[in-house]
């Protein structure tokens, strides 16, 4: 919510045009935060009842500006920002109540996305600033889906099943963010435009295994084995154009901030080249999961800040993070299909040349999905069954930021 009112080195990301209007940008800005994330998935029956809580460092920002004694009226800054950092493991177990049985479902997901930027800004007159940040973006993702089986109906009758598919890729691309900012006595305003990404290079690997002996995977009890692996595949990732407009109004010790941002749509694309699997019917599920697209969304944020005195202020905010994923397409590369809402509160303390910011943010969201799970009916072999379930997401993040002046 500070696209129109950022006045420190965080402007390298929120609005690089604001860097030009900062009297003397900080020598160094650093943000460290930790988060506790909880994901719960459950059905009405006991087929799936998963709950996981993880505590780990969360995405961070690091930036520094070159002294204006060297750059003159131009402002140059270098920044590093972690946009995504997720490590998720889901499981599901079921055992037949009366005889040897089995079942197992697993979903393993890891995602990292880092942005490395070089920012330039320059004033136009006394109250307008223009700026541009060039980002090199790294994205790495690993996904593994594994469904097992097994059953012993009698000494001579049984079944087994194994469905595994996974892929792993790394991708590099370029993104530009241009910003325009104006700062007046009682109000600020800003506009940013983020370009669609331009691919540089990337590669990855993908594989699948299908094995069924006497088990029912949806087309009757079969005996079949199929497996394939391909590496050195070209990777691709696309992010959309976006436009954000924001502003702030100050009245006495109170400040009100707001931002609205539009994100364009992205046509369907493959994160990895699927051609080695295109003619293989057994790889249909894997090929589907290599696809991704984005629908157009609009997010907004609103914040309030009160300056108690020259050295102490506190704030609160609300922001939205609506999903770009199509909720009716479960088998895609999208990580989640639920909208997320953020509540934030914190305070800033200025001591000498260091500004210390402390805060906490709570995020939450939910959705209804469908997943393939192994169900062991009484007296029968494991059966692969589409199962609707409810998923609930929550996260508590604690943040400490340091802004070092000259």
Protein backbone atom coordinates (compact mmCIF):
# COMPACT_ATOMS: atom_id res chain seq x y z
CA UNK A 1 0.00 0.00 0.00
CA UNK A 2 3.03 2.34 -0.28
CA UNK A 3 3.36 2.54 -4.09
CA UNK A 4 2.52 6.25 -3.79
CA UNK A 5 4.27 7.02 -0.52
CA UNK A 6 7.48 5.01 -0.12
CA UNK A 7 10.33 7.22 1.11
CA UNK A 8 13.16 4.78 1.78
CA UNK A 9 15.09 2.05 -0.02
CA UNK A 10 12.04 -0.21 -0.19
CA UNK A 11 11.11 2.08 -3.10
CA UNK A 12 13.54 0.07 -5.24
CA UNK A 13 10.65 -2.42 -5.45
CA UNK A 14 7.47 -0.48 -4.64
CA UNK A 15 8.18 2.62 -6.73
CA UNK A 16 11.72 3.40 -7.98
CA UNK A 17 10.60 6.93 -8.92
CA UNK A 18 10.36 7.80 -5.21
CA UNK A 19 14.12 7.27 -4.81
CA UNK A 20 14.72 10.51 -6.73
CA UNK A 21 12.72 12.56 -4.19
CA UNK A 22 14.37 11.16 -1.09
CA UNK A 23 16.65 13.84 0.32
CA UNK A 24 19.40 11.38 1.12
CA UNK A 25 18.59 7.71 0.60
CA UNK A 26 19.74 5.38 3.31
CA UNK A 27 23.10 3.77 3.00
CA UNK A 28 21.62 0.39 3.79
CA UNK A 29 18.22 -1.19 4.34
CA UNK A 30 17.75 -4.72 5.64
CA UNK A 31 14.64 -6.68 6.56
CA UNK A 32 14.67 -9.96 8.47
CA UNK A 33 11.52 -11.89 9.27
CA UNK A 34 10.33 -15.25 10.50
CA UNK A 35 7.03 -16.93 9.87
CA UNK A 36 4.91 -19.78 11.13
CA UNK A 37 2.75 -21.25 8.35
CA UNK A 38 -0.09 -23.69 8.90
CA UNK A 39 -1.84 -25.65 6.18
CA UNK A 40 -4.76 -27.93 6.98
CA UNK A 41 -6.60 -30.18 4.54
CA UNK A 42 -9.48 -32.42 5.55
CA UNK A 43 -12.53 -34.26 4.20
CA UNK A 44 -15.79 -35.15 5.90
CA UNK A 45 -14.54 -38.71 6.36
CA UNK A 46 -11.11 -39.85 7.55
CA UNK A 47 -9.81 -40.26 3.98
CA UNK A 48 -7.67 -37.12 4.28
CA UNK A 49 -6.86 -35.30 7.48
CA UNK A 50 -3.63 -33.38 7.10
CA UNK A 51 -2.25 -30.56 9.23
CA UNK A 52 1.25 -29.12 9.03
CA UNK A 53 2.88 -26.17 10.79
CA UNK A 54 6.36 -24.96 9.85
CA UNK A 55 8.50 -22.20 11.34
CA UNK A 56 11.24 -20.76 9.17
CA UNK A 57 12.82 -17.53 7.90
CA UNK A 58 10.55 -15.73 5.45
CA UNK A 59 11.19 -13.65 2.32
CA UNK A 60 13.59 -10.76 2.97
CA UNK A 61 14.77 -7.48 1.45
CA UNK A 62 18.30 -6.10 1.28
CA UNK A 63 19.20 -2.84 -0.48
CA UNK A 64 21.85 -0.12 -0.48
CA UNK A 65 22.30 3.14 -2.38
CA UNK A 66 25.49 4.64 -3.78
CA UNK A 67 26.44 8.03 -2.25
CA UNK A 68 25.12 11.01 -4.19
CA UNK A 69 28.56 12.54 -3.86
CA UNK A 70 29.49 10.00 -6.54
CA UNK A 71 26.28 9.92 -8.58
CA UNK A 72 25.26 13.62 -8.53
CA UNK A 73 21.57 14.21 -9.18
CA UNK A 74 21.07 10.58 -10.15
CA UNK A 75 20.29 7.89 -7.59
CA UNK A 76 21.61 4.36 -8.02
CA UNK A 77 20.71 1.47 -5.74
CA UNK A 78 21.21 -2.29 -5.66
CA UNK A 79 18.66 -4.61 -4.07
CA UNK A 80 17.91 -8.25 -3.43
CA UNK A 81 14.40 -9.47 -2.69
CA UNK A 82 13.02 -12.94 -1.96
CA UNK A 83 9.54 -13.08 -3.50
CA UNK A 84 8.72 -16.76 -2.94
CA UNK A 85 10.04 -19.32 -0.48
CA UNK A 86 7.85 -22.38 0.08
CA UNK A 87 8.57 -25.90 1.22
CA UNK A 88 5.50 -28.10 1.63
CA UNK A 89 5.01 -31.82 2.19
CA UNK A 90 1.55 -33.41 2.40
CA UNK A 91 0.86 -37.08 3.12
CA UNK A 92 -2.12 -39.40 3.58
CA UNK A 93 -2.27 -42.92 5.03
CA UNK A 94 -5.06 -45.49 5.27
CA UNK A 95 -5.02 -49.15 6.38
CA UNK A 96 -7.86 -51.64 5.83
CA UNK A 97 -9.52 -52.44 9.15
CA UNK A 98 -9.68 -56.24 8.89
CA UNK A 99 -6.79 -57.52 6.78
CA UNK A 100 -3.47 -56.54 5.27
CA UNK A 101 -4.06 -53.44 3.18
CA UNK A 102 -2.31 -50.18 2.53
CA UNK A 103 -2.60 -46.84 0.71
CA UNK A 104 -0.47 -43.75 0.74
CA UNK A 105 -0.65 -40.34 -0.93
CA UNK A 106 2.11 -37.75 -1.01
CA UNK A 107 2.57 -34.27 -2.45
CA UNK A 108 6.00 -32.64 -2.11
CA UNK A 109 6.50 -29.06 -3.23
CA UNK A 110 9.45 -26.67 -3.02
CA UNK A 111 9.60 -23.21 -4.61
CA UNK A 112 12.11 -20.35 -4.46
CA UNK A 113 12.03 -17.08 -6.38
CA UNK A 114 14.64 -14.34 -5.88
CA UNK A 115 14.82 -10.91 -7.55
CA UNK A 116 18.15 -9.08 -7.95
CA UNK A 117 17.77 -5.45 -9.00
CA UNK A 118 19.65 -2.37 -10.16
CA UNK A 119 17.66 0.85 -9.68
CA UNK A 120 18.10 4.27 -11.26
CA UNK A 121 16.11 7.40 -10.37
CA UNK A 122 16.23 11.07 -11.30
CA UNK A 123 14.11 14.10 -10.30
CA UNK A 124 12.14 16.12 -12.84
CA UNK A 125 11.73 19.49 -11.20
CA UNK A 126 11.29 19.59 -7.44
CA UNK A 127 8.23 17.41 -6.96
CA UNK A 128 8.35 14.65 -9.58
CA UNK A 129 10.65 11.65 -9.65
CA UNK A 130 11.19 9.04 -12.33
CA UNK A 131 12.86 5.70 -11.79
CA UNK A 132 13.50 2.27 -13.24
CA UNK A 133 14.57 -1.01 -11.65
CA UNK A 134 15.94 -3.83 -13.79
CA UNK A 135 15.52 -7.22 -12.14
CA UNK A 136 17.19 -10.53 -12.88
CA UNK A 137 14.78 -13.14 -11.54
CA UNK A 138 15.69 -16.68 -10.53
CA UNK A 139 12.91 -19.24 -10.05
CA UNK A 140 13.45 -22.81 -8.93
CA UNK A 141 10.69 -25.35 -8.38
CA UNK A 142 10.52 -29.02 -7.46
CA UNK A 143 7.29 -31.03 -7.36
CA UNK A 144 6.72 -34.70 -6.60
CA UNK A 145 3.39 -36.51 -6.50
CA UNK A 146 3.39 -40.11 -5.28
CA UNK A 147 0.49 -42.54 -4.79
CA UNK A 148 1.15 -46.09 -3.59
CA UNK A 149 -1.19 -49.05 -2.86
CA UNK A 150 -0.81 -52.74 -1.87
CA UNK A 151 -3.35 -55.23 -0.49
CA UNK A 152 -3.40 -58.95 0.39
CA UNK A 153 -6.93 -60.26 -0.05
CA UNK A 154 -5.83 -63.89 0.29
CA UNK A 155 -2.63 -65.95 -0.05
CA UNK A 156 -3.24 -66.06 -3.81
CA UNK A 157 -5.15 -62.84 -4.48
CA UNK A 158 -3.88 -59.30 -3.98
CA UNK A 159 -3.06 -56.04 -5.63
CA UNK A 160 -0.47 -53.30 -5.81
CA UNK A 161 -0.25 -49.89 -7.40
CA UNK A 162 2.38 -47.18 -7.75
CA UNK A 163 1.93 -43.79 -9.43
CA UNK A 164 4.89 -41.38 -9.26
CA UNK A 165 5.53 -38.20 -11.24
CA UNK A 166 7.98 -35.43 -10.53
CA UNK A 167 9.73 -32.51 -12.15
CA UNK A 168 12.44 -30.06 -11.22
CA UNK A 169 13.51 -26.89 -13.04
CA UNK A 170 15.45 -23.63 -12.73
CA UNK A 171 14.69 -20.55 -14.79
CA UNK A 172 16.14 -17.05 -15.24
CA UNK A 173 14.30 -14.08 -16.70
CA UNK A 174 14.29 -10.25 -16.81
CA UNK A 175 11.63 -7.92 -15.39
CA UNK A 176 11.53 -4.10 -15.45
CA UNK A 177 9.63 -1.89 -13.04
CA UNK A 178 9.19 1.81 -13.95
CA UNK A 179 7.92 4.30 -11.39
CA UNK A 180 6.59 7.85 -11.25
CA UNK A 181 6.26 9.64 -7.91
CA UNK A 182 5.23 13.05 -6.64
CA UNK A 183 5.47 14.27 -3.06
CA UNK A 184 3.58 17.33 -1.79
CA UNK A 185 3.09 18.91 1.63
CA UNK A 186 -0.03 16.95 2.61
CA UNK A 187 -0.24 14.19 0.00
CA UNK A 188 1.86 11.85 -2.14
CA UNK A 189 0.99 9.89 -5.27
CA UNK A 190 2.70 7.34 -7.44
CA UNK A 191 2.30 5.03 -10.40
CA UNK A 192 4.33 1.94 -11.31
CA UNK A 193 4.34 -0.28 -14.37
CA UNK A 194 5.87 -3.76 -14.21
CA UNK A 195 6.62 -5.42 -17.51
CA UNK A 196 5.91 -8.96 -18.50
CA UNK A 197 9.01 -11.06 -17.99
CA UNK A 198 11.53 -11.76 -20.75
CA UNK A 199 13.09 -15.22 -20.61
CA UNK A 200 16.84 -15.68 -20.48
CA UNK A 201 17.56 -19.37 -20.03
CA UNK A 202 16.63 -22.37 -17.91
CA UNK A 203 16.46 -26.14 -17.83
CA UNK A 204 15.04 -29.02 -15.86
CA UNK A 205 13.99 -32.65 -15.79
CA UNK A 206 10.75 -34.61 -15.52
CA UNK A 207 9.80 -38.24 -15.06
CA UNK A 208 6.88 -40.52 -14.31
CA UNK A 209 6.22 -44.12 -13.29
CA UNK A 210 2.97 -46.06 -13.62
CA UNK A 211 2.72 -49.53 -12.15
CA UNK A 212 -0.41 -51.55 -11.39
CA UNK A 213 -0.73 -55.24 -10.58
CA UNK A 214 -4.25 -56.35 -9.75
CA UNK A 215 -5.20 -52.87 -8.51
CA UNK A 216 -7.92 -50.57 -9.81
CA UNK A 217 -6.59 -47.20 -10.97
CA UNK A 218 -9.87 -46.11 -12.52
CA UNK A 219 -10.24 -48.48 -15.48
CA UNK A 220 -10.62 -51.87 -13.78
CA UNK A 221 -8.00 -54.18 -12.31
CA UNK A 222 -4.94 -54.29 -14.55
CA UNK A 223 -1.33 -55.40 -14.85
CA UNK A 224 0.70 -52.58 -16.40
CA UNK A 225 4.08 -50.89 -16.02
CA UNK A 226 5.14 -47.69 -17.78
CA UNK A 227 8.00 -45.35 -16.94
CA UNK A 228 9.94 -42.52 -18.60
CA UNK A 229 12.52 -39.90 -17.69
CA UNK A 230 13.84 -36.86 -19.58
CA UNK A 231 16.46 -34.34 -18.52
CA UNK A 232 18.03 -31.29 -20.12
CA UNK A 233 14.57 -29.94 -20.97
CA UNK A 234 14.16 -26.24 -21.75
CA UNK A 235 12.28 -24.32 -19.05
CA UNK A 236 10.08 -21.27 -19.42
CA UNK A 237 8.22 -19.05 -16.99
CA UNK A 238 5.96 -16.08 -17.75
CA UNK A 239 4.74 -13.33 -15.45
CA UNK A 240 2.20 -10.67 -16.49
CA UNK A 241 2.15 -6.93 -17.00
CA UNK A 242 0.90 -5.03 -13.98
CA UNK A 243 0.01 -1.42 -13.20
CA UNK A 244 -0.25 -0.02 -9.69
CA UNK A 245 -1.49 3.39 -8.53
CA UNK A 246 -1.26 4.58 -4.95
CA UNK A 247 -1.24 7.60 -2.73
CA UNK A 248 -1.10 8.92 0.81
CA UNK A 249 -2.84 11.76 2.59
CA UNK A 250 -1.44 13.34 5.76
CA UNK A 251 -3.47 15.29 8.26
CA UNK A 252 -1.70 16.28 11.45
CA UNK A 253 -0.12 13.21 12.96
CA UNK A 254 -2.25 10.84 10.88
CA UNK A 255 -1.43 9.36 7.46
CA UNK A 256 -3.70 7.29 5.23
CA UNK A 257 -2.23 5.09 2.50
CA UNK A 258 -3.82 3.15 -0.33
CA UNK A 259 -2.86 1.24 -3.49
CA UNK A 260 -4.72 -0.60 -6.26
CA UNK A 261 -2.83 -2.92 -8.63
CA UNK A 262 -4.03 -4.64 -11.79
CA UNK A 263 -2.31 -7.80 -13.04
CA UNK A 264 -2.84 -8.91 -16.63
CA UNK A 265 -3.57 -12.44 -17.76
CA UNK A 266 -1.01 -14.92 -19.08
CA UNK A 267 -1.91 -17.47 -21.79
CA UNK A 268 -1.23 -21.13 -21.04
CA UNK A 269 2.43 -22.12 -21.22
CA UNK A 270 4.64 -25.09 -20.24
CA UNK A 271 7.23 -24.61 -17.49
CA UNK A 272 9.16 -27.50 -19.07
CA UNK A 273 9.25 -28.71 -22.66
CA UNK A 274 6.67 -31.57 -22.72
CA UNK A 275 7.57 -32.91 -26.18
CA UNK A 276 9.28 -36.11 -24.89
CA UNK A 277 5.96 -37.09 -23.26
CA UNK A 278 3.46 -35.64 -25.76
CA UNK A 279 2.64 -38.94 -27.50
CA UNK A 280 2.54 -41.04 -24.33
CA UNK A 281 -1.01 -41.51 -22.90
CA UNK A 282 0.44 -42.58 -19.55
CA UNK A 283 2.11 -39.17 -19.18
CA UNK A 284 -1.12 -37.17 -19.54
CA UNK A 285 -1.19 -36.21 -15.87
CA UNK A 286 2.45 -35.10 -15.87
CA UNK A 287 2.02 -33.02 -19.05
CA UNK A 288 -0.98 -31.31 -17.46
CA UNK A 289 1.00 -30.41 -14.37
CA UNK A 290 3.71 -28.81 -16.48
CA UNK A 291 1.17 -26.26 -17.71
CA UNK A 292 0.40 -22.92 -16.12
CA UNK A 293 -1.59 -19.83 -16.96
CA UNK A 294 -2.83 -16.77 -15.09
CA UNK A 295 -6.13 -14.96 -15.10
CA UNK A 296 -6.29 -11.19 -14.65
CA UNK A 297 -6.78 -10.01 -11.05
CA UNK A 298 -6.96 -6.73 -9.13
CA UNK A 299 -5.50 -6.43 -5.62
CA UNK A 300 -5.70 -3.53 -3.21
CA UNK A 301 -4.30 -2.41 0.12
CA UNK A 302 -5.11 0.27 2.70
CA UNK A 303 -3.02 1.44 5.62
CA UNK A 304 -3.05 3.87 8.53
CA UNK A 305 -0.03 5.42 10.25
CA UNK A 306 0.16 7.73 13.25
CA UNK A 307 3.30 9.66 14.11
CA UNK A 308 3.37 10.05 17.87
CA UNK A 309 6.51 12.17 17.78
CA UNK A 310 9.63 12.66 15.67
CA UNK A 311 11.05 9.31 16.75
CA UNK A 312 8.07 7.00 17.15
CA UNK A 313 5.17 5.99 14.89
CA UNK A 314 2.84 3.01 14.58
CA UNK A 315 0.67 1.62 11.82
CA UNK A 316 -1.93 -0.93 10.70
CA UNK A 317 -2.87 -2.23 7.25
CA UNK A 318 -5.04 -4.60 5.25
CA UNK A 319 -4.12 -6.06 1.84
CA UNK A 320 -5.49 -8.68 -0.53
CA UNK A 321 -3.67 -11.35 -2.55
CA UNK A 322 -6.23 -12.85 -4.92
CA UNK A 323 -5.13 -15.97 -6.74
CA UNK A 324 -4.40 -15.94 -10.47
CA UNK A 325 -5.17 -19.68 -10.75
CA UNK A 326 -8.34 -21.13 -12.21
CA UNK A 327 -9.94 -22.99 -9.32
CA UNK A 328 -11.59 -25.60 -11.53
CA UNK A 329 -8.23 -26.74 -12.94
CA UNK A 330 -6.66 -28.71 -10.13
CA UNK A 331 -4.03 -30.51 -12.23
CA UNK A 332 -1.83 -27.54 -13.14
CA UNK A 333 1.47 -26.07 -12.04
CA UNK A 334 -0.25 -23.53 -9.78
CA UNK A 335 0.72 -23.90 -6.12
CA UNK A 336 -2.55 -22.77 -4.61
CA UNK A 337 -6.03 -21.67 -5.65
CA UNK A 338 -7.14 -19.80 -2.56
CA UNK A 339 -7.34 -16.03 -2.03
CA UNK A 340 -5.22 -14.69 0.83
CA UNK A 341 -5.97 -11.73 3.09
CA UNK A 342 -3.32 -9.94 5.15
CA UNK A 343 -3.64 -7.99 8.42
CA UNK A 344 -0.55 -6.06 9.53
CA UNK A 345 0.44 -3.96 12.54
CA UNK A 346 3.75 -2.53 13.74
CA UNK A 347 5.80 0.41 14.92
CA UNK A 348 8.94 2.35 13.94
CA UNK A 349 11.54 3.86 16.27
CA UNK A 350 14.23 6.31 15.13
CA UNK A 351 17.46 6.32 17.13
CA UNK A 352 20.29 8.50 15.89
CA UNK A 353 20.82 7.41 12.26
CA UNK A 354 19.06 4.04 12.53
CA UNK A 355 15.35 3.48 11.96
CA UNK A 356 14.11 0.27 13.58
CA UNK A 357 10.81 -1.15 12.35
CA UNK A 358 9.03 -4.03 14.08
CA UNK A 359 5.79 -5.61 12.98
CA UNK A 360 3.61 -8.65 12.69
CA UNK A 361 1.39 -9.82 9.83
CA UNK A 362 -1.35 -12.43 9.86
CA UNK A 363 -2.52 -13.97 6.58
CA UNK A 364 -5.38 -16.39 6.00
CA UNK A 365 -7.31 -18.06 3.19
CA UNK A 366 -9.33 -21.17 2.33
CA UNK A 367 -10.68 -23.13 -0.63
CA UNK A 368 -12.38 -26.35 -1.66
CA UNK A 369 -10.31 -28.66 -3.85
CA UNK A 370 -10.24 -32.22 -5.17
CA UNK A 371 -7.34 -34.65 -4.90
CA UNK A 372 -6.77 -38.26 -5.96
CA UNK A 373 -6.35 -40.44 -2.88
CA UNK A 374 -6.05 -44.16 -2.34
CA UNK A 375 -9.05 -45.66 -0.58
CA UNK A 376 -9.02 -49.22 0.75
CA UNK A 377 -12.60 -50.55 0.86
CA UNK A 378 -13.34 -53.40 3.30
CA UNK A 379 -12.36 -56.67 1.66
CA UNK A 380 -11.05 -54.99 -1.48
CA UNK A 381 -7.93 -53.67 -3.15
CA UNK A 382 -6.88 -50.01 -2.99
CA UNK A 383 -8.82 -47.81 -5.41
CA UNK A 384 -7.70 -44.42 -6.73
CA UNK A 385 -10.59 -42.10 -5.89
CA UNK A 386 -11.18 -38.36 -6.53
CA UNK A 387 -11.80 -36.88 -3.10
CA UNK A 388 -13.14 -33.36 -2.39
CA UNK A 389 -11.53 -31.64 0.56
CA UNK A 390 -11.35 -28.31 2.35
CA UNK A 391 -8.00 -26.55 2.67
CA UNK A 392 -7.26 -23.77 5.16
CA UNK A 393 -4.14 -21.62 5.09
CA UNK A 394 -2.82 -19.30 7.80
CA UNK A 395 0.52 -17.61 8.45
CA UNK A 396 1.93 -15.42 11.20
CA UNK A 397 5.00 -13.40 10.22
CA UNK A 398 7.19 -11.37 12.58
CA UNK A 399 9.39 -8.72 10.96
CA UNK A 400 12.35 -6.61 12.05
CA UNK A 401 13.74 -4.00 9.66
CA UNK A 402 16.81 -1.77 9.89
CA UNK A 403 17.25 1.42 7.89
CA UNK A 404 20.75 2.83 8.28
CA UNK A 405 21.22 6.51 7.36
CA UNK A 406 24.44 8.23 6.46
